[in-house]
Amino acid sequence: MTGSTLERKKKVTPEQEQAIAELKEMFPDGSFIVSNRGRYWGFLPPPGANPLRIDADADTPEELSEKLRAALRQVS
């Protein structure tokens, strides 16, 4: 399929792969992606009895980690 979204998909750099690996170490149950614009996205499962998933996005993996930790503190 010429011009499909999959063909235009930007490759993740080694630095981004390392950042995702570090985020997975900090948040083992989380899912993480790097957008085609280089932004980091994180998704955590609902903590405890809370029915809502935690979603956050940031320009850097450090900022994403801070946002996820802050969100976890709010629901704990």
PDB file of N, CA and C in Angstrom:
ATOM      1  N   MET A   1       0.848  -1.171   0.000  1.00  0.00           N
ATOM      2  CA  MET A   1       0.000   0.000   0.000  1.00  0.00           C
ATOM      3  C   MET A   1       0.897   1.239   0.000  1.00  0.00           C
ATOM      4  N   THR A   2       1.045   1.887  -1.104  1.00  0.00           N
ATOM      5  CA  THR A   2       1.908   3.056  -1.236  1.00  0.00           C
ATOM      6  C   THR A   2       1.318   4.244  -0.489  1.00  0.00           C
ATOM      7  N   GLY A   3       2.184   4.934   0.277  1.00  0.00           N
ATOM      8  CA  GLY A   3       1.740   6.127   0.994  1.00  0.00           C
ATOM      9  C   GLY A   3       0.941   5.846   2.246  1.00  0.00           C
ATOM     10  N   SER A   4       0.907   4.615   2.690  1.00  0.00           N
ATOM     11  CA  SER A   4       0.130   4.293   3.884  1.00  0.00           C
ATOM     12  C   SER A   4       0.802   4.878   5.120  1.00  0.00           C
ATOM     13  N   THR A   5       0.052   4.930   6.189  1.00  0.00           N
ATOM     14  CA  THR A   5       0.577   5.438   7.455  1.00  0.00           C
ATOM     15  C   THR A   5       1.786   4.622   7.896  1.00  0.00           C
ATOM     16  N   LEU A   6       1.733   3.316   7.711  1.00  0.00           N
ATOM     17  CA  LEU A   6       2.846   2.478   8.137  1.00  0.00           C
ATOM     18  C   LEU A   6       4.118   2.787   7.368  1.00  0.00           C
ATOM     19  N   GLU A   7       4.012   3.086   6.101  1.00  0.00           N
ATOM     20  CA  GLU A   7       5.194   3.393   5.308  1.00  0.00           C
ATOM     21  C   GLU A   7       5.798   4.737   5.679  1.00  0.00           C
ATOM     22  N   ARG A   8       4.984   5.662   6.162  1.00  0.00           N
ATOM     23  CA  ARG A   8       5.479   6.986   6.536  1.00  0.00           C
ATOM     24  C   ARG A   8       5.959   7.029   7.981  1.00  0.00           C
ATOM     25  N   LYS A   9       5.791   5.951   8.688  1.00  0.00           N
ATOM     26  CA  LYS A   9       6.122   5.903  10.106  1.00  0.00           C
ATOM     27  C   LYS A   9       7.599   6.239  10.322  1.00  0.00           C
ATOM     28  N   LYS A  10       7.851   7.165  11.224  1.00  0.00           N
ATOM     29  CA  LYS A  10       9.218   7.584  11.534  1.00  0.00           C
ATOM     30  C   LYS A  10       9.878   6.545  12.438  1.00  0.00           C
ATOM     31  N   LYS A  11      11.129   6.266  12.185  1.00  0.00           N
ATOM     32  CA  LYS A  11      11.882   5.306  12.995  1.00  0.00           C
ATOM     33  C   LYS A  11      12.230   5.914  14.352  1.00  0.00           C
ATOM     34  N   VAL A  12      12.208   5.071  15.365  1.00  0.00           N
ATOM     35  CA  VAL A  12      12.601   5.487  16.709  1.00  0.00           C
ATOM     36  C   VAL A  12      14.123   5.439  16.786  1.00  0.00           C
ATOM     37  N   THR A  13      14.714   6.487  17.341  1.00  0.00           N
ATOM     38  CA  THR A  13      16.174   6.548  17.457  1.00  0.00           C
ATOM     39  C   THR A  13      16.652   5.661  18.611  1.00  0.00           C
ATOM     40  N   PRO A  14      17.934   5.311  18.622  1.00  0.00           N
ATOM     41  CA  PRO A  14      18.477   4.539  19.751  1.00  0.00           C
ATOM     42  C   PRO A  14      18.291   5.269  21.089  1.00  0.00           C
ATOM     43  N   GLU A  15      18.409   6.584  21.076  1.00  0.00           N
ATOM     44  CA  GLU A  15      18.218   7.362  22.310  1.00  0.00           C
ATOM     45  C   GLU A  15      16.776   7.259  22.793  1.00  0.00           C
ATOM     46  N   GLN A  16      15.828   7.317  21.860  1.00  0.00           N
ATOM     47  CA  GLN A  16      14.420   7.190  22.231  1.00  0.00           C
ATOM     48  C   GLN A  16      14.123   5.781  22.737  1.00  0.00           C
ATOM     49  N   GLU A  17      14.709   4.766  22.109  1.00  0.00           N
ATOM     50  CA  GLU A  17      14.539   3.387  22.578  1.00  0.00           C
ATOM     51  C   GLU A  17      15.057   3.241  24.002  1.00  0.00           C
ATOM     52  N   GLN A  18      16.211   3.848  24.296  1.00  0.00           N
ATOM     53  CA  GLN A  18      16.778   3.793  25.643  1.00  0.00           C
ATOM     54  C   GLN A  18      15.862   4.501  26.635  1.00  0.00           C
ATOM     55  N   ALA A  19      15.324   5.650  26.252  1.00  0.00           N
ATOM     56  CA  ALA A  19      14.416   6.392  27.134  1.00  0.00           C
ATOM     57  C   ALA A  19      13.163   5.571  27.432  1.00  0.00           C
ATOM     58  N   ILE A  20      12.619   4.908  26.413  1.00  0.00           N
ATOM     59  CA  ILE A  20      11.435   4.068  26.610  1.00  0.00           C
ATOM     60  C   ILE A  20      11.773   2.905  27.548  1.00  0.00           C
ATOM     61  N   ALA A  21      12.939   2.298  27.382  1.00  0.00           N
ATOM     62  CA  ALA A  21      13.357   1.201  28.262  1.00  0.00           C
ATOM     63  C   ALA A  21      13.455   1.674  29.715  1.00  0.00           C
ATOM     64  N   GLU A  22      13.983   2.871  29.929  1.00  0.00           N
ATOM     65  CA  GLU A  22      14.096   3.416  31.285  1.00  0.00           C
ATOM     66  C   GLU A  22      12.719   3.713  31.867  1.00  0.00           C
ATOM     67  N   LEU A  23      11.808   4.237  31.053  1.00  0.00           N
ATOM     68  CA  LEU A  23      10.445   4.479  31.528  1.00  0.00           C
ATOM     69  C   LEU A  23       9.771   3.162  31.913  1.00  0.00           C
ATOM     70  N   LYS A  24       9.994   2.108  31.134  1.00  0.00           N
ATOM     71  CA  LYS A  24       9.404   0.803  31.447  1.00  0.00           C
ATOM     72  C   LYS A  24       9.971   0.235  32.743  1.00  0.00           C
ATOM     73  N   GLU A  25      11.233   0.541  33.047  1.00  0.00           N
ATOM     74  CA  GLU A  25      11.808   0.118  34.329  1.00  0.00           C
ATOM     75  C   GLU A  25      11.123   0.848  35.482  1.00  0.00           C
ATOM     76  N   MET A  26      10.862   2.137  35.306  1.00  0.00           N
ATOM     77  CA  MET A  26      10.217   2.938  36.351  1.00  0.00           C
ATOM     78  C   MET A  26       8.743   2.589  36.509  1.00  0.00           C
ATOM     79  N   PHE A  27       8.080   2.281  35.396  1.00  0.00           N
ATOM     80  CA  PHE A  27       6.647   2.004  35.374  1.00  0.00           C
ATOM     81  C   PHE A  27       6.423   0.687  34.617  1.00  0.00           C
ATOM     82  N   PRO A  28       6.680  -0.463  35.276  1.00  0.00           N
ATOM     83  CA  PRO A  28       6.650  -1.756  34.583  1.00  0.00           C
ATOM     84  C   PRO A  28       5.312  -2.102  33.924  1.00  0.00           C
ATOM     85  N   ASP A  29       4.213  -1.601  34.451  1.00  0.00           N
ATOM     86  CA  ASP A  29       2.897  -1.914  33.879  1.00  0.00           C
ATOM     87  C   ASP A  29       2.476  -0.924  32.799  1.00  0.00           C
ATOM     88  N   GLY A  30       3.302   0.068  32.538  1.00  0.00           N
ATOM     89  CA  GLY A  30       2.945   1.113  31.578  1.00  0.00           C
ATOM     90  C   GLY A  30       3.238   0.740  30.139  1.00  0.00           C
ATOM     91  N   SER A  31       2.626   1.507  29.247  1.00  0.00           N
ATOM     92  CA  SER A  31       2.891   1.411  27.812  1.00  0.00           C
ATOM     93  C   SER A  31       3.395   2.773  27.360  1.00  0.00           C
ATOM     94  N   PHE A  32       4.385   2.782  26.482  1.00  0.00           N
ATOM     95  CA  PHE A  32       5.014   4.032  26.079  1.00  0.00           C
ATOM     96  C   PHE A  32       5.243   4.060  24.580  1.00  0.00           C
ATOM     97  N   ILE A  33       5.086   5.242  24.004  1.00  0.00           N
ATOM     98  CA  ILE A  33       5.358   5.421  22.576  1.00  0.00           C
ATOM     99  C   ILE A  33       6.047   6.765  22.370  1.00  0.00           C
ATOM    100  N   VAL A  34       6.692   6.894  21.237  1.00  0.00           N
ATOM    101  CA  VAL A  34       7.239   8.170  20.795  1.00  0.00           C
ATOM    102  C   VAL A  34       6.484   8.513  19.522  1.00  0.00           C
ATOM    103  N   SER A  35       5.871   9.683  19.497  1.00  0.00           N
ATOM    104  CA  SER A  35       5.085  10.080  18.330  1.00  0.00           C
ATOM    105  C   SER A  35       5.995  10.431  17.159  1.00  0.00           C
ATOM    106  N   ASN A  36       5.396  10.577  15.996  1.00  0.00           N
ATOM    107  CA  ASN A  36       6.174  10.956  14.811  1.00  0.00           C
ATOM    108  C   ASN A  36       6.732  12.369  14.927  1.00  0.00           C
ATOM    109  N   ARG A  37       6.293  13.110  15.919  1.00  0.00           N
ATOM    110  CA  ARG A  37       6.823  14.456  16.179  1.00  0.00           C
ATOM    111  C   ARG A  37       7.827  14.463  17.325  1.00  0.00           C
ATOM    112  N   GLY A  38       8.164  13.273  17.822  1.00  0.00           N
ATOM    113  CA  GLY A  38       9.175  13.166  18.866  1.00  0.00           C
ATOM    114  C   GLY A  38       8.671  13.365  20.278  1.00  0.00           C
ATOM    115  N   ARG A  39       7.352  13.428  20.465  1.00  0.00           N
ATOM    116  CA  ARG A  39       6.801  13.560  21.817  1.00  0.00           C
ATOM    117  C   ARG A  39       6.646  12.183  22.434  1.00  0.00           C
ATOM    118  N   TYR A  40       6.802  12.126  23.737  1.00  0.00           N
ATOM    119  CA  TYR A  40       6.675  10.876  24.474  1.00  0.00           C
ATOM    120  C   TYR A  40       5.273  10.783  25.061  1.00  0.00           C
ATOM    121  N   TRP A  41       4.693   9.597  24.979  1.00  0.00           N
ATOM    122  CA  TRP A  41       3.365   9.333  25.531  1.00  0.00           C
ATOM    123  C   TRP A  41       3.469   8.145  26.465  1.00  0.00           C
ATOM    124  N   GLY A  42       2.780   8.235  27.602  1.00  0.00           N
ATOM    125  CA  GLY A  42       2.760   7.136  28.553  1.00  0.00           C
ATOM    126  C   GLY A  42       1.342   6.832  28.986  1.00  0.00           C
ATOM    127  N   PHE A  43       1.072   5.552  29.167  1.00  0.00           N
ATOM    128  CA  PHE A  43      -0.252   5.085  29.572  1.00  0.00           C
ATOM    129  C   PHE A  43      -0.065   4.091  30.707  1.00  0.00           C
ATOM    130  N   LEU A  44      -0.683   4.376  31.855  1.00  0.00           N
ATOM    131  CA  LEU A  44      -0.593   3.485  33.006  1.00  0.00           C
ATOM    132  C   LEU A  44      -1.961   2.887  33.279  1.00  0.00           C
ATOM    133  N   PRO A  45      -2.009   1.626  33.719  1.00  0.00           N
ATOM    134  CA  PRO A  45      -3.296   1.013  34.040  1.00  0.00           C
ATOM    135  C   PRO A  45      -3.920   1.707  35.246  1.00  0.00           C
ATOM    136  N   PRO A  46      -5.227   1.554  35.417  1.00  0.00           N
ATOM    137  CA  PRO A  46      -5.893   2.185  36.560  1.00  0.00           C
ATOM    138  C   PRO A  46      -5.299   1.683  37.877  1.00  0.00           C
ATOM    139  N   PRO A  47      -4.909   2.600  38.758  1.00  0.00           N
ATOM    140  CA  PRO A  47      -4.362   2.184  40.049  1.00  0.00           C
ATOM    141  C   PRO A  47      -5.477   1.839  41.037  1.00  0.00           C
ATOM    142  N   GLY A  48      -5.316   0.725  41.731  1.00  0.00           N
ATOM    143  CA  GLY A  48      -6.274   0.339  42.764  1.00  0.00           C
ATOM    144  C   GLY A  48      -7.695   0.265  42.252  1.00  0.00           C
ATOM    145  N   ALA A  49      -8.607   0.895  42.990  1.00  0.00           N
ATOM    146  CA  ALA A  49     -10.027   0.867  42.639  1.00  0.00           C
ATOM    147  C   ALA A  49     -10.403   1.956  41.640  1.00  0.00           C
ATOM    148  N   ASN A  50      -9.458   2.798  41.280  1.00  0.00           N
ATOM    149  CA  ASN A  50      -9.730   3.877  40.328  1.00  0.00           C
ATOM    150  C   ASN A  50      -9.970   3.276  38.942  1.00  0.00           C
ATOM    151  N   PRO A  51     -11.100   3.595  38.299  1.00  0.00           N
ATOM    152  CA  PRO A  51     -11.406   3.002  36.995  1.00  0.00           C
ATOM    153  C   PRO A  51     -10.741   3.699  35.805  1.00  0.00           C
ATOM    154  N   LEU A  52     -10.035   4.790  36.048  1.00  0.00           N
ATOM    155  CA  LEU A  52      -9.501   5.582  34.939  1.00  0.00           C
ATOM    156  C   LEU A  52      -8.022   5.318  34.694  1.00  0.00           C
ATOM    157  N   ARG A  53      -7.673   5.096  33.436  1.00  0.00           N
ATOM    158  CA  ARG A  53      -6.275   4.928  33.030  1.00  0.00           C
ATOM    159  C   ARG A  53      -5.579   6.288  33.123  1.00  0.00           C
ATOM    160  N   ILE A  54      -4.311   6.283  33.425  1.00  0.00           N
ATOM    161  CA  ILE A  54      -3.522   7.515  33.472  1.00  0.00           C
ATOM    162  C   ILE A  54      -2.820   7.685  32.134  1.00  0.00           C
ATOM    163  N   ASP A  55      -3.055   8.811  31.479  1.00  0.00           N
ATOM    164  CA  ASP A  55      -2.417   9.143  30.203  1.00  0.00           C
ATOM    165  C   ASP A  55      -1.656  10.447  30.380  1.00  0.00           C
ATOM    166  N   ALA A  56      -0.477  10.527  29.791  1.00  0.00           N
ATOM    167  CA  ALA A  56       0.291  11.771  29.829  1.00  0.00           C
ATOM    168  C   ALA A  56       1.166  11.850  28.588  1.00  0.00           C
ATOM    169  N   ASP A  57       1.505  13.076  28.210  1.00  0.00           N
ATOM    170  CA  ASP A  57       2.442  13.276  27.103  1.00  0.00           C
ATOM    171  C   ASP A  57       3.393  14.400  27.478  1.00  0.00           C
ATOM    172  N   ALA A  58       4.583  14.370  26.874  1.00  0.00           N
ATOM    173  CA  ALA A  58       5.609  15.350  27.218  1.00  0.00           C
ATOM    174  C   ALA A  58       6.642  15.428  26.105  1.00  0.00           C
ATOM    175  N   ASP A  59       7.426  16.484  26.148  1.00  0.00           N
ATOM    176  CA  ASP A  59       8.492  16.664  25.160  1.00  0.00           C
ATOM    177  C   ASP A  59       9.727  15.823  25.464  1.00  0.00           C
ATOM    178  N   THR A  60       9.905  15.450  26.728  1.00  0.00           N
ATOM    179  CA  THR A  60      11.086  14.670  27.113  1.00  0.00           C
ATOM    180  C   THR A  60      10.656  13.494  27.987  1.00  0.00           C
ATOM    181  N   PRO A  61      11.465  12.445  28.048  1.00  0.00           N
ATOM    182  CA  PRO A  61      11.128  11.325  28.926  1.00  0.00           C
ATOM    183  C   PRO A  61      11.143  11.728  30.402  1.00  0.00           C
ATOM    184  N   GLU A  62      12.005  12.657  30.764  1.00  0.00           N
ATOM    185  CA  GLU A  62      12.052  13.124  32.156  1.00  0.00           C
ATOM    186  C   GLU A  62      10.755  13.828  32.534  1.00  0.00           C
ATOM    187  N   GLU A  63      10.274  14.681  31.648  1.00  0.00           N
ATOM    188  CA  GLU A  63       9.018  15.389  31.897  1.00  0.00           C
ATOM    189  C   GLU A  63       7.856  14.400  31.968  1.00  0.00           C
ATOM    190  N   LEU A  64       7.867  13.388  31.114  1.00  0.00           N
ATOM    191  CA  LEU A  64       6.809  12.378  31.140  1.00  0.00           C
ATOM    192  C   LEU A  64       6.825  11.626  32.466  1.00  0.00           C
ATOM    193  N   SER A  65       7.999  11.244  32.930  1.00  0.00           N
ATOM    194  CA  SER A  65       8.121  10.558  34.211  1.00  0.00           C
ATOM    195  C   SER A  65       7.563  11.409  35.344  1.00  0.00           C
ATOM    196  N   GLU A  66       7.885  12.695  35.350  1.00  0.00           N
ATOM    197  CA  GLU A  66       7.375  13.606  36.379  1.00  0.00           C
ATOM    198  C   GLU A  66       5.853  13.687  36.333  1.00  0.00           C
ATOM    199  N   LYS A  67       5.293  13.792  35.137  1.00  0.00           N
ATOM    200  CA  LYS A  67       3.835  13.882  34.998  1.00  0.00           C
ATOM    201  C   LYS A  67       3.149  12.600  35.475  1.00  0.00           C
ATOM    202  N   LEU A  68       3.717  11.445  35.132  1.00  0.00           N
ATOM    203  CA  LEU A  68       3.118  10.180  35.558  1.00  0.00           C
ATOM    204  C   LEU A  68       3.199  10.017  37.069  1.00  0.00           C
ATOM    205  N   ARG A  69       4.343  10.378  37.661  1.00  0.00           N
ATOM    206  CA  ARG A  69       4.477  10.294  39.121  1.00  0.00           C
ATOM    207  C   ARG A  69       3.475  11.228  39.816  1.00  0.00           C
ATOM    208  N   ALA A  70       3.312  12.432  39.293  1.00  0.00           N
ATOM    209  CA  ALA A  70       2.356  13.379  39.875  1.00  0.00           C
ATOM    210  C   ALA A  70       0.934  12.836  39.774  1.00  0.00           C
ATOM    211  N   ALA A  71       0.599  12.247  38.646  1.00  0.00           N
ATOM    212  CA  ALA A  71      -0.745  11.685  38.475  1.00  0.00           C
ATOM    213  C   ALA A  71      -0.974  10.530  39.442  1.00  0.00           C
ATOM    214  N   LEU A  72       0.036   9.696  39.640  1.00  0.00           N
ATOM    215  CA  LEU A  72      -0.101   8.587  40.588  1.00  0.00           C
ATOM    216  C   LEU A  72      -0.283   9.094  42.013  1.00  0.00           C
ATOM    217  N   ARG A  73       0.412  10.169  42.375  1.00  0.00           N
ATOM    218  CA  ARG A  73       0.251  10.745  43.722  1.00  0.00           C
ATOM    219  C   ARG A  73      -1.174  11.253  43.922  1.00  0.00           C
ATOM    220  N   GLN A  74      -1.770  11.820  42.893  1.00  0.00           N
ATOM    221  CA  GLN A  74      -3.123  12.370  43.007  1.00  0.00           C
ATOM    222  C   GLN A  74      -4.173  11.291  43.215  1.00  0.00           C
ATOM    223  N   VAL A  75      -3.972  10.115  42.638  1.00  0.00           N
ATOM    224  CA  VAL A  75      -4.984   9.065  42.755  1.00  0.00           C
ATOM    225  C   VAL A  75      -4.708   8.111  43.907  1.00  0.00           C
ATOM    226  N   SER A  76      -3.564   8.271  44.571  1.00  0.00           N
ATOM    227  CA  SER A  76      -3.220   7.373  45.694  1.00  0.00           C
ATOM    228  C   SER A  76      -3.826   7.859  46.979  1.00  0.00           C
TER     229      SER A  76
END
